[in-house]
Amino acid sequence: LLSRGMTQRLAVARAVLHRPRLLLLDEPRAN
C-alpha cells in the first residue's frame, strides 16, 4: 500500500539495519 518512494525508504532501512561495513548500492536514490 506504500508509494514507491516510501518503499525505497524502507529498503534503505533494511539495508542498514544490521550496521554493515560494506554497502552495495544500485541506483539507491531511485524513486
PDB file of all heavy atoms in Angstrom:
ATOM      1  N   LEU A   1       0.809  -1.218   0.000  1.00  0.00           N
ATOM      2  CA  LEU A   1       0.000   0.000   0.000  1.00  0.00           C
ATOM      3  C   LEU A   1       0.844   1.271   0.000  1.00  0.00           C
ATOM      4  O   LEU A   1       0.302   2.373  -0.056  1.00  0.00           O
ATOM      5  CB  LEU A   1      -0.916   0.014   1.231  1.00  0.00           C
ATOM      6  CG  LEU A   1      -1.938  -1.116   1.329  1.00  0.00           C
ATOM      7  CD1 LEU A   1      -2.795  -0.936   2.574  1.00  0.00           C
ATOM      8  CD2 LEU A   1      -2.808  -1.182   0.068  1.00  0.00           C
ATOM      9  N   LEU A   2       2.142   1.118   0.051  1.00  0.00           N
ATOM     10  CA  LEU A   2       3.021   2.283   0.126  1.00  0.00           C
ATOM     11  C   LEU A   2       3.433   2.761  -1.256  1.00  0.00           C
ATOM     12  O   LEU A   2       3.477   1.987  -2.213  1.00  0.00           O
ATOM     13  CB  LEU A   2       4.272   1.932   0.940  1.00  0.00           C
ATOM     14  CG  LEU A   2       4.041   1.490   2.379  1.00  0.00           C
ATOM     15  CD1 LEU A   2       5.365   1.090   3.020  1.00  0.00           C
ATOM     16  CD2 LEU A   2       3.357   2.580   3.200  1.00  0.00           C
ATOM     17  N   SER A   3       3.757   4.031  -1.356  1.00  0.00           N
ATOM     18  CA  SER A   3       4.289   4.581  -2.605  1.00  0.00           C
ATOM     19  C   SER A   3       5.673   4.009  -2.869  1.00  0.00           C
ATOM     20  O   SER A   3       6.327   3.451  -1.970  1.00  0.00           O
ATOM     21  CB  SER A   3       4.367   6.098  -2.527  1.00  0.00           C
ATOM     22  OG  SER A   3       5.376   6.490  -1.598  1.00  0.00           O
ATOM     23  N   ARG A   4       6.150   4.188  -4.097  1.00  0.00           N
ATOM     24  CA  ARG A   4       7.486   3.699  -4.430  1.00  0.00           C
ATOM     25  C   ARG A   4       8.558   4.405  -3.615  1.00  0.00           C
ATOM     26  O   ARG A   4       9.555   3.796  -3.202  1.00  0.00           O
ATOM     27  CB  ARG A   4       7.751   3.870  -5.930  1.00  0.00           C
ATOM     28  CG  ARG A   4       6.966   2.892  -6.795  1.00  0.00           C
ATOM     29  CD  ARG A   4       7.379   2.966  -8.245  1.00  0.00           C
ATOM     30  NE  ARG A   4       7.066   4.265  -8.834  1.00  0.00           N
ATOM     31  CZ  ARG A   4       7.373   4.616 -10.073  1.00  0.00           C
ATOM     32  NH1 ARG A   4       8.042   3.775 -10.860  1.00  0.00           N
ATOM     33  NH2 ARG A   4       7.044   5.808 -10.539  1.00  0.00           N
ATOM     34  N   GLY A   5       8.353   5.689  -3.362  1.00  0.00           N
ATOM     35  CA  GLY A   5       9.322   6.422  -2.558  1.00  0.00           C
ATOM     36  C   GLY A   5       9.373   5.913  -1.126  1.00  0.00           C
ATOM     37  O   GLY A   5      10.464   5.754  -0.553  1.00  0.00           O
ATOM     38  N   MET A   6       8.215   5.649  -0.538  1.00  0.00           N
ATOM     39  CA  MET A   6       8.182   5.111   0.819  1.00  0.00           C
ATOM     40  C   MET A   6       8.802   3.721   0.870  1.00  0.00           C
ATOM     41  O   MET A   6       9.528   3.380   1.812  1.00  0.00           O
ATOM     42  CB  MET A   6       6.742   5.071   1.332  1.00  0.00           C
ATOM     43  CG  MET A   6       6.152   6.420   1.641  1.00  0.00           C
ATOM     44  SD  MET A   6       4.448   6.273   2.216  1.00  0.00           S
ATOM     45  CE  MET A   6       4.063   7.989   2.539  1.00  0.00           C
ATOM     46  N   THR A   7       8.510   2.916  -0.147  1.00  0.00           N
ATOM     47  CA  THR A   7       9.093   1.581  -0.197  1.00  0.00           C
ATOM     48  C   THR A   7      10.609   1.652  -0.295  1.00  0.00           C
ATOM     49  O   THR A   7      11.327   0.874   0.351  1.00  0.00           O
ATOM     50  CB  THR A   7       8.528   0.798  -1.400  1.00  0.00           C
ATOM     51  OG1 THR A   7       7.105   0.707  -1.264  1.00  0.00           O
ATOM     52  CG2 THR A   7       9.106  -0.608  -1.477  1.00  0.00           C
ATOM     53  N   GLN A   8      11.116   2.612  -1.070  1.00  0.00           N
ATOM     54  CA  GLN A   8      12.566   2.767  -1.177  1.00  0.00           C
ATOM     55  C   GLN A   8      13.176   3.186   0.153  1.00  0.00           C
ATOM     56  O   GLN A   8      14.264   2.726   0.527  1.00  0.00           O
ATOM     57  CB  GLN A   8      12.913   3.778  -2.268  1.00  0.00           C
ATOM     58  CG  GLN A   8      14.395   3.930  -2.556  1.00  0.00           C
ATOM     59  CD  GLN A   8      14.997   2.739  -3.272  1.00  0.00           C
ATOM     60  OE1 GLN A   8      14.327   1.744  -3.530  1.00  0.00           O
ATOM     61  NE2 GLN A   8      16.270   2.826  -3.612  1.00  0.00           N
ATOM     62  N   ARG A   9      12.490   4.037   0.888  1.00  0.00           N
ATOM     63  CA  ARG A   9      12.993   4.425   2.203  1.00  0.00           C
ATOM     64  C   ARG A   9      13.052   3.234   3.148  1.00  0.00           C
ATOM     65  O   ARG A   9      14.012   3.074   3.917  1.00  0.00           O
ATOM     66  CB  ARG A   9      12.132   5.545   2.782  1.00  0.00           C
ATOM     67  CG  ARG A   9      12.464   6.898   2.180  1.00  0.00           C
ATOM     68  CD  ARG A   9      11.298   7.861   2.177  1.00  0.00           C
ATOM     69  NE  ARG A   9      10.785   8.139   3.512  1.00  0.00           N
ATOM     70  CZ  ARG A   9       9.672   8.852   3.733  1.00  0.00           C
ATOM     71  NH1 ARG A   9       8.983   9.334   2.707  1.00  0.00           N
ATOM     72  NH2 ARG A   9       9.253   9.075   4.955  1.00  0.00           N
ATOM     73  N   LEU A  10      12.058   2.358   3.074  1.00  0.00           N
ATOM     74  CA  LEU A  10      12.093   1.137   3.881  1.00  0.00           C
ATOM     75  C   LEU A  10      13.218   0.214   3.434  1.00  0.00           C
ATOM     76  O   LEU A  10      13.859  -0.446   4.262  1.00  0.00           O
ATOM     77  CB  LEU A  10      10.755   0.398   3.784  1.00  0.00           C
ATOM     78  CG  LEU A  10       9.630   0.888   4.671  1.00  0.00           C
ATOM     79  CD1 LEU A  10       8.359   0.113   4.360  1.00  0.00           C
ATOM     80  CD2 LEU A  10       9.976   0.750   6.151  1.00  0.00           C
ATOM     81  N   ALA A  11      13.457   0.161   2.126  1.00  0.00           N
ATOM     82  CA  ALA A  11      14.556  -0.673   1.619  1.00  0.00           C
ATOM     83  C   ALA A  11      15.903  -0.167   2.134  1.00  0.00           C
ATOM     84  O   ALA A  11      16.794  -0.963   2.445  1.00  0.00           O
ATOM     85  CB  ALA A  11      14.536  -0.696   0.091  1.00  0.00           C
ATOM     86  N   VAL A  12      16.056   1.146   2.224  1.00  0.00           N
ATOM     87  CA  VAL A  12      17.274   1.713   2.810  1.00  0.00           C
ATOM     88  C   VAL A  12      17.383   1.291   4.271  1.00  0.00           C
ATOM     89  O   VAL A  12      18.453   0.864   4.739  1.00  0.00           O
ATOM     90  CB  VAL A  12      17.278   3.250   2.683  1.00  0.00           C
ATOM     91  CG1 VAL A  12      18.418   3.857   3.503  1.00  0.00           C
ATOM     92  CG2 VAL A  12      17.399   3.659   1.220  1.00  0.00           C
ATOM     93  N   ALA A  13      16.274   1.387   5.000  1.00  0.00           N
ATOM     94  CA  ALA A  13      16.278   0.978   6.408  1.00  0.00           C
ATOM     95  C   ALA A  13      16.680  -0.490   6.548  1.00  0.00           C
ATOM     96  O   ALA A  13      17.454  -0.846   7.444  1.00  0.00           O
ATOM     97  CB  ALA A  13      14.901   1.217   7.024  1.00  0.00           C
ATOM     98  N   ARG A  14      16.168  -1.342   5.668  1.00  0.00           N
ATOM     99  CA  ARG A  14      16.533  -2.767   5.703  1.00  0.00           C
ATOM    100  C   ARG A  14      18.020  -2.949   5.434  1.00  0.00           C
ATOM    101  O   ARG A  14      18.692  -3.743   6.098  1.00  0.00           O
ATOM    102  CB  ARG A  14      15.717  -3.551   4.665  1.00  0.00           C
ATOM    103  CG  ARG A  14      16.141  -4.999   4.522  1.00  0.00           C
ATOM    104  CD  ARG A  14      15.656  -5.613   3.238  1.00  0.00           C
ATOM    105  NE  ARG A  14      15.991  -4.856   2.048  1.00  0.00           N
ATOM    106  CZ  ARG A  14      17.206  -4.774   1.522  1.00  0.00           C
ATOM    107  NH1 ARG A  14      18.228  -5.398   2.075  1.00  0.00           N
ATOM    108  NH2 ARG A  14      17.405  -4.066   0.438  1.00  0.00           N
ATOM    109  N   ALA A  15      18.550  -2.212   4.458  1.00  0.00           N
ATOM    110  CA  ALA A  15      19.948  -2.396   4.054  1.00  0.00           C
ATOM    111  C   ALA A  15      20.930  -2.007   5.146  1.00  0.00           C
ATOM    112  O   ALA A  15      22.025  -2.576   5.222  1.00  0.00           O
ATOM    113  CB  ALA A  15      20.228  -1.597   2.780  1.00  0.00           C
ATOM    114  N   VAL A  16      20.555  -1.042   5.992  1.00  0.00           N
ATOM    115  CA  VAL A  16      21.495  -0.564   7.027  1.00  0.00           C
ATOM    116  C   VAL A  16      21.130  -1.060   8.420  1.00  0.00           C
ATOM    117  O   VAL A  16      21.833  -0.746   9.385  1.00  0.00           O
ATOM    118  CB  VAL A  16      21.569   0.978   7.032  1.00  0.00           C
ATOM    119  CG1 VAL A  16      21.978   1.503   5.670  1.00  0.00           C
ATOM    120  CG2 VAL A  16      20.257   1.616   7.491  1.00  0.00           C
ATOM    121  N   LEU A  17      20.079  -1.827   8.527  1.00  0.00           N
ATOM    122  CA  LEU A  17      19.570  -2.275   9.828  1.00  0.00           C
ATOM    123  C   LEU A  17      20.655  -2.915  10.688  1.00  0.00           C
ATOM    124  O   LEU A  17      20.751  -2.664  11.893  1.00  0.00           O
ATOM    125  CB  LEU A  17      18.421  -3.262   9.593  1.00  0.00           C
ATOM    126  CG  LEU A  17      17.784  -3.896  10.825  1.00  0.00           C
ATOM    127  CD1 LEU A  17      16.971  -2.869  11.598  1.00  0.00           C
ATOM    128  CD2 LEU A  17      16.888  -5.072  10.421  1.00  0.00           C
ATOM    129  N   HIS A  18      21.493  -3.745  10.071  1.00  0.00           N
ATOM    130  CA  HIS A  18      22.487  -4.534  10.807  1.00  0.00           C
ATOM    131  C   HIS A  18      23.862  -3.870  10.851  1.00  0.00           C
ATOM    132  O   HIS A  18      24.853  -4.506  11.176  1.00  0.00           O
ATOM    133  CB  HIS A  18      22.602  -5.927  10.194  1.00  0.00           C
ATOM    134  CG  HIS A  18      22.879  -5.914   8.719  1.00  0.00           C
ATOM    135  ND1 HIS A  18      22.015  -5.373   7.796  1.00  0.00           N
ATOM    136  CD2 HIS A  18      23.935  -6.379   7.996  1.00  0.00           C
ATOM    137  CE1 HIS A  18      22.525  -5.508   6.585  1.00  0.00           C
ATOM    138  NE2 HIS A  18      23.690  -6.106   6.687  1.00  0.00           N
ATOM    139  N   ARG A  19      23.905  -2.583  10.521  1.00  0.00           N
ATOM    140  CA  ARG A  19      25.136  -1.784  10.548  1.00  0.00           C
ATOM    141  C   ARG A  19      26.252  -2.444   9.722  1.00  0.00           C
ATOM    142  O   ARG A  19      27.323  -2.778  10.240  1.00  0.00           O
ATOM    143  CB  ARG A  19      25.609  -1.561  11.981  1.00  0.00           C
ATOM    144  CG  ARG A  19      24.638  -0.742  12.827  1.00  0.00           C
ATOM    145  CD  ARG A  19      25.224  -0.450  14.204  1.00  0.00           C
ATOM    146  NE  ARG A  19      24.379   0.453  14.967  1.00  0.00           N
ATOM    147  CZ  ARG A  19      23.408   0.058  15.795  1.00  0.00           C
ATOM    148  NH1 ARG A  19      23.162  -1.236  15.938  1.00  0.00           N
ATOM    149  NH2 ARG A  19      22.698   0.946  16.467  1.00  0.00           N
ATOM    150  N   PRO A  20      26.038  -2.601   8.416  1.00  0.00           N
ATOM    151  CA  PRO A  20      27.042  -3.262   7.573  1.00  0.00           C
ATOM    152  C   PRO A  20      28.296  -2.412   7.420  1.00  0.00           C
ATOM    153  O   PRO A  20      28.267  -1.186   7.565  1.00  0.00           O
ATOM    154  CB  PRO A  20      26.319  -3.421   6.242  1.00  0.00           C
ATOM    155  CG  PRO A  20      25.327  -2.299   6.211  1.00  0.00           C
ATOM    156  CD  PRO A  20      24.874  -2.142   7.633  1.00  0.00           C
ATOM    157  N   ARG A  21      29.393  -3.078   7.078  1.00  0.00           N
ATOM    158  CA  ARG A  21      30.653  -2.386   6.784  1.00  0.00           C
ATOM    159  C   ARG A  21      30.761  -2.027   5.305  1.00  0.00           C
ATOM    160  O   ARG A  21      31.489  -1.098   4.942  1.00  0.00           O
ATOM    161  CB  ARG A  21      31.829  -3.271   7.170  1.00  0.00           C
ATOM    162  CG  ARG A  21      31.981  -3.501   8.660  1.00  0.00           C
ATOM    163  CD  ARG A  21      32.996  -4.582   8.946  1.00  0.00           C
ATOM    164  NE  ARG A  21      34.310  -4.282   8.380  1.00  0.00           N
ATOM    165  CZ  ARG A  21      35.291  -5.170   8.269  1.00  0.00           C
ATOM    166  NH1 ARG A  21      35.101  -6.423   8.656  1.00  0.00           N
ATOM    167  NH2 ARG A  21      36.458  -4.814   7.757  1.00  0.00           N
ATOM    168  N   LEU A  22      30.071  -2.788   4.451  1.00  0.00           N
ATOM    169  CA  LEU A  22      30.156  -2.600   3.000  1.00  0.00           C
ATOM    170  C   LEU A  22      28.753  -2.455   2.445  1.00  0.00           C
ATOM    171  O   LEU A  22      27.909  -3.337   2.632  1.00  0.00           O
ATOM    172  CB  LEU A  22      30.863  -3.804   2.364  1.00  0.00           C
ATOM    173  CG  LEU A  22      30.888  -3.887   0.837  1.00  0.00           C
ATOM    174  CD1 LEU A  22      31.516  -2.645   0.220  1.00  0.00           C
ATOM    175  CD2 LEU A  22      31.633  -5.140   0.399  1.00  0.00           C
ATOM    176  N   LEU A  23      28.492  -1.340   1.764  1.00  0.00           N
ATOM    177  CA  LEU A  23      27.190  -1.079   1.152  1.00  0.00           C
ATOM    178  C   LEU A  23      27.291  -1.236  -0.354  1.00  0.00           C
ATOM    179  O   LEU A  23      28.168  -0.644  -0.992  1.00  0.00           O
ATOM    180  CB  LEU A  23      26.718   0.342   1.483  1.00  0.00           C
ATOM    181  CG  LEU A  23      26.242   0.601   2.910  1.00  0.00           C
ATOM    182  CD1 LEU A  23      26.016   2.098   3.121  1.00  0.00           C
ATOM    183  CD2 LEU A  23      24.965  -0.171   3.197  1.00  0.00           C
ATOM    184  N   LEU A  24      26.380  -2.019  -0.918  1.00  0.00           N
ATOM    185  CA  LEU A  24      26.276  -2.223  -2.366  1.00  0.00           C
ATOM    186  C   LEU A  24      24.999  -1.529  -2.819  1.00  0.00           C
ATOM    187  O   LEU A  24      23.889  -1.984  -2.529  1.00  0.00           O
ATOM    188  CB  LEU A  24      26.235  -3.718  -2.686  1.00  0.00           C
ATOM    189  CG  LEU A  24      27.385  -4.542  -2.094  1.00  0.00           C
ATOM    190  CD1 LEU A  24      27.165  -6.030  -2.355  1.00  0.00           C
ATOM    191  CD2 LEU A  24      28.724  -4.092  -2.657  1.00  0.00           C
ATOM    192  N   LEU A  25      25.151  -0.423  -3.533  1.00  0.00           N
ATOM    193  CA  LEU A  25      24.047   0.498  -3.794  1.00  0.00           C
ATOM    194  C   LEU A  25      23.800   0.625  -5.294  1.00  0.00           C
ATOM    195  O   LEU A  25      24.565   1.274  -6.006  1.00  0.00           O
ATOM    196  CB  LEU A  25      24.372   1.868  -3.194  1.00  0.00           C
ATOM    197  CG  LEU A  25      24.765   1.880  -1.714  1.00  0.00           C
ATOM    198  CD1 LEU A  25      25.272   3.264  -1.312  1.00  0.00           C
ATOM    199  CD2 LEU A  25      23.597   1.460  -0.840  1.00  0.00           C
ATOM    200  N   ASP A  26      22.737  -0.001  -5.756  1.00  0.00           N
ATOM    201  CA  ASP A  26      22.377   0.023  -7.182  1.00  0.00           C
ATOM    202  C   ASP A  26      21.240   1.023  -7.365  1.00  0.00           C
ATOM    203  O   ASP A  26      20.091   0.741  -7.001  1.00  0.00           O
ATOM    204  CB  ASP A  26      21.954  -1.385  -7.621  1.00  0.00           C
ATOM    205  CG  ASP A  26      22.058  -1.574  -9.127  1.00  0.00           C
ATOM    206  OD1 ASP A  26      22.443  -0.622  -9.826  1.00  0.00           O
ATOM    207  OD2 ASP A  26      21.765  -2.694  -9.605  1.00  0.00           O
ATOM    208  N   GLU A  27      21.550   2.193  -7.885  1.00  0.00           N
ATOM    209  CA  GLU A  27      20.572   3.279  -8.054  1.00  0.00           C
ATOM    210  C   GLU A  27      19.842   3.557  -6.736  1.00  0.00           C
ATOM    211  O   GLU A  27      18.607   3.501  -6.653  1.00  0.00           O
ATOM    212  CB  GLU A  27      19.556   2.915  -9.149  1.00  0.00           C
ATOM    213  CG  GLU A  27      20.154   2.504 -10.471  1.00  0.00           C
ATOM    214  CD  GLU A  27      20.639   3.686 -11.302  1.00  0.00           C
ATOM    215  OE1 GLU A  27      20.493   4.826 -10.827  1.00  0.00           O
ATOM    216  OE2 GLU A  27      21.145   3.462 -12.401  1.00  0.00           O
ATOM    217  N   PRO A  28      20.565   3.875  -5.665  1.00  0.00           N
ATOM    218  CA  PRO A  28      19.933   3.956  -4.345  1.00  0.00           C
ATOM    219  C   PRO A  28      18.910   5.061  -4.181  1.00  0.00           C
ATOM    220  O   PRO A  28      18.049   4.983  -3.296  1.00  0.00           O
ATOM    221  CB  PRO A  28      21.130   4.181  -3.410  1.00  0.00           C
ATOM    222  CG  PRO A  28      22.170   4.825  -4.269  1.00  0.00           C
ATOM    223  CD  PRO A  28      22.000   4.182  -5.619  1.00  0.00           C
ATOM    224  N   ARG A  29      18.995   6.097  -5.013  1.00  0.00           N
ATOM    225  CA  ARG A  29      18.058   7.214  -4.862  1.00  0.00           C
ATOM    226  C   ARG A  29      16.907   7.142  -5.857  1.00  0.00           C
ATOM    227  O   ARG A  29      16.159   8.118  -6.022  1.00  0.00           O
ATOM    228  CB  ARG A  29      18.820   8.534  -4.995  1.00  0.00           C
ATOM    229  CG  ARG A  29      19.834   8.727  -3.864  1.00  0.00           C
ATOM    230  CD  ARG A  29      20.713   9.938  -4.055  1.00  0.00           C
ATOM    231  NE  ARG A  29      21.686  10.077  -2.976  1.00  0.00           N
ATOM    232  CZ  ARG A  29      22.854   9.449  -2.937  1.00  0.00           C
ATOM    233  NH1 ARG A  29      23.202   8.656  -3.940  1.00  0.00           N
ATOM    234  NH2 ARG A  29      23.674   9.606  -1.925  1.00  0.00           N
ATOM    235  N   ALA A  30      16.739   5.989  -6.499  1.00  0.00           N
ATOM    236  CA  ALA A  30      15.612   5.806  -7.413  1.00  0.00           C
ATOM    237  C   ALA A  30      14.300   5.994  -6.656  1.00  0.00           C
ATOM    238  O   ALA A  30      14.143   5.532  -5.523  1.00  0.00           O
ATOM    239  CB  ALA A  30      15.664   4.406  -8.029  1.00  0.00           C
ATOM    240  N   ASN A  31      13.373   6.702  -7.281  1.00  0.00           N
ATOM    241  CA  ASN A  31      12.026   6.932  -6.742  1.00  0.00           C
ATOM    242  C   ASN A  31      11.989   7.885  -5.545  1.00  0.00           C
ATOM    243  O   ASN A  31      10.952   8.018  -4.894  1.00  0.00           O
ATOM    244  CB  ASN A  31      11.354   5.610  -6.337  1.00  0.00           C
ATOM    245  CG  ASN A  31      11.288   4.618  -7.472  1.00  0.00           C
ATOM    246  OD1 ASN A  31      10.924   4.982  -8.596  1.00  0.00           O
ATOM    247  ND2 ASN A  31      11.640   3.368  -7.203  1.00  0.00           N
TER     248      ASN A  31
END
